[in-house]
Amino acid sequence: MIGLGTIINCAAIVAGGLVGLAGGRFMTDTMLNAISMTGGILIFCIGFNLMWPKMIKVANLLPALVITVIITML
């Protein structure tokens, strides 16, 4: 039996795929490089938290991905 969480995840995957296909036309190479660098820093912070107990709250840094896109659009 499929639960509510499974349905929500499927909808999120489909919506994310559609946004990715539509947004791919508007993303420049500079934007993609900036998002990749920001994501790399966030992944580094996750690894840092695995080594030492919760020194960096990575969830609070997620808006940096949106801010990165806005700054590169200027």
C-alpha atoms as a PDB file:
ATOM      1  CA  MET A   1       0.000   0.000   0.000  1.00  0.00           C
ATOM      2  CA  ILE A   2       1.318   3.419  -0.956  1.00  0.00           C
ATOM      3  CA  GLY A   3       1.468   5.900   1.880  1.00  0.00           C
ATOM      4  CA  LEU A   4       1.040   9.637   1.884  1.00  0.00           C
ATOM      5  CA  GLY A   5       4.788  10.230   2.133  1.00  0.00           C
ATOM      6  CA  THR A   6       5.409   8.197  -1.017  1.00  0.00           C
ATOM      7  CA  ILE A   7       2.828  10.186  -2.961  1.00  0.00           C
ATOM      8  CA  ILE A   8       4.306  13.492  -1.793  1.00  0.00           C
ATOM      9  CA  ASN A   9       7.828  12.360  -2.733  1.00  0.00           C
ATOM     10  CA  CYS A  10       6.695  11.272  -6.197  1.00  0.00           C
ATOM     11  CA  ALA A  11       4.989  14.624  -6.751  1.00  0.00           C
ATOM     12  CA  ALA A  12       8.114  16.461  -5.608  1.00  0.00           C
ATOM     13  CA  ILE A  13      10.316  14.452  -7.975  1.00  0.00           C
ATOM     14  CA  VAL A  14       8.026  15.128 -10.935  1.00  0.00           C
ATOM     15  CA  ALA A  15       7.759  18.838 -10.084  1.00  0.00           C
ATOM     16  CA  GLY A  16      11.528  19.103  -9.636  1.00  0.00           C
ATOM     17  CA  GLY A  17      12.107  17.416 -12.971  1.00  0.00           C
ATOM     18  CA  LEU A  18       9.756  19.802 -14.752  1.00  0.00           C
ATOM     19  CA  VAL A  19      11.372  22.820 -13.121  1.00  0.00           C
ATOM     20  CA  GLY A  20      14.800  21.465 -14.032  1.00  0.00           C
ATOM     21  CA  LEU A  21      13.821  20.997 -17.659  1.00  0.00           C
ATOM     22  CA  ALA A  22      12.245  24.444 -17.894  1.00  0.00           C
ATOM     23  CA  GLY A  23      14.927  26.180 -15.833  1.00  0.00           C
ATOM     24  CA  GLY A  24      17.763  24.631 -17.817  1.00  0.00           C
ATOM     25  CA  ARG A  25      17.174  27.149 -20.580  1.00  0.00           C
ATOM     26  CA  PHE A  26      17.561  30.103 -18.241  1.00  0.00           C
ATOM     27  CA  MET A  27      20.586  28.867 -16.318  1.00  0.00           C
ATOM     28  CA  THR A  28      23.879  30.119 -17.648  1.00  0.00           C
ATOM     29  CA  ASP A  29      27.207  28.386 -17.138  1.00  0.00           C
ATOM     30  CA  THR A  30      28.152  31.019 -14.576  1.00  0.00           C
ATOM     31  CA  MET A  31      25.016  30.278 -12.534  1.00  0.00           C
ATOM     32  CA  LEU A  32      25.599  26.542 -12.644  1.00  0.00           C
ATOM     33  CA  ASN A  33      29.218  26.961 -11.557  1.00  0.00           C
ATOM     34  CA  ALA A  34      28.190  29.232  -8.674  1.00  0.00           C
ATOM     35  CA  ILE A  35      25.507  26.768  -7.534  1.00  0.00           C
ATOM     36  CA  SER A  36      28.026  23.914  -7.748  1.00  0.00           C
ATOM     37  CA  MET A  37      30.539  25.794  -5.628  1.00  0.00           C
ATOM     38  CA  THR A  38      27.907  26.712  -3.047  1.00  0.00           C
ATOM     39  CA  GLY A  39      26.693  23.110  -2.942  1.00  0.00           C
ATOM     40  CA  GLY A  40      30.266  21.910  -2.508  1.00  0.00           C
ATOM     41  CA  ILE A  41      30.710  24.186   0.482  1.00  0.00           C
ATOM     42  CA  LEU A  42      27.463  22.887   1.997  1.00  0.00           C
ATOM     43  CA  ILE A  43      28.597  19.277   1.497  1.00  0.00           C
ATOM     44  CA  PHE A  44      31.919  20.170   3.142  1.00  0.00           C
ATOM     45  CA  CYS A  45      29.964  21.529   6.119  1.00  0.00           C
ATOM     46  CA  ILE A  46      28.016  18.261   6.360  1.00  0.00           C
ATOM     47  CA  GLY A  47      31.308  16.350   6.459  1.00  0.00           C
ATOM     48  CA  PHE A  48      32.617  18.779   9.053  1.00  0.00           C
ATOM     49  CA  ASN A  49      29.561  18.019  11.199  1.00  0.00           C
ATOM     50  CA  LEU A  50      30.257  14.295  10.908  1.00  0.00           C
ATOM     51  CA  MET A  51      33.722  14.818  12.339  1.00  0.00           C
ATOM     52  CA  TRP A  52      32.788  17.244  15.098  1.00  0.00           C
ATOM     53  CA  PRO A  53      29.382  17.415  16.756  1.00  0.00           C
ATOM     54  CA  LYS A  54      27.014  19.924  15.128  1.00  0.00           C
ATOM     55  CA  MET A  55      29.256  22.940  14.934  1.00  0.00           C
ATOM     56  CA  ILE A  56      27.619  24.238  11.733  1.00  0.00           C
ATOM     57  CA  LYS A  57      23.865  24.246  11.159  1.00  0.00           C
ATOM     58  CA  VAL A  58      23.753  23.380   7.474  1.00  0.00           C
ATOM     59  CA  ALA A  59      19.979  23.727   7.124  1.00  0.00           C
ATOM     60  CA  ASN A  60      20.311  27.407   8.005  1.00  0.00           C
ATOM     61  CA  LEU A  61      22.730  27.808   5.080  1.00  0.00           C
ATOM     62  CA  LEU A  62      20.365  26.429   2.403  1.00  0.00           C
ATOM     63  CA  PRO A  63      19.082  29.897   1.403  1.00  0.00           C
ATOM     64  CA  ALA A  64      22.622  30.518   0.128  1.00  0.00           C
ATOM     65  CA  LEU A  65      21.676  28.514  -2.979  1.00  0.00           C
ATOM     66  CA  VAL A  66      18.873  30.962  -3.804  1.00  0.00           C
ATOM     67  CA  ILE A  67      21.018  33.979  -2.965  1.00  0.00           C
ATOM     68  CA  THR A  68      23.753  32.621  -5.246  1.00  0.00           C
ATOM     69  CA  VAL A  69      21.354  32.512  -8.197  1.00  0.00           C
ATOM     70  CA  ILE A  70      20.087  36.027  -7.470  1.00  0.00           C
ATOM     71  CA  ILE A  71      23.606  37.458  -7.230  1.00  0.00           C
ATOM     72  CA  THR A  72      24.743  35.800 -10.464  1.00  0.00           C
ATOM     73  CA  MET A  73      21.686  37.176 -12.278  1.00  0.00           C
ATOM     74  CA  LEU A  74      22.742  40.747 -11.487  1.00  0.00           C
END
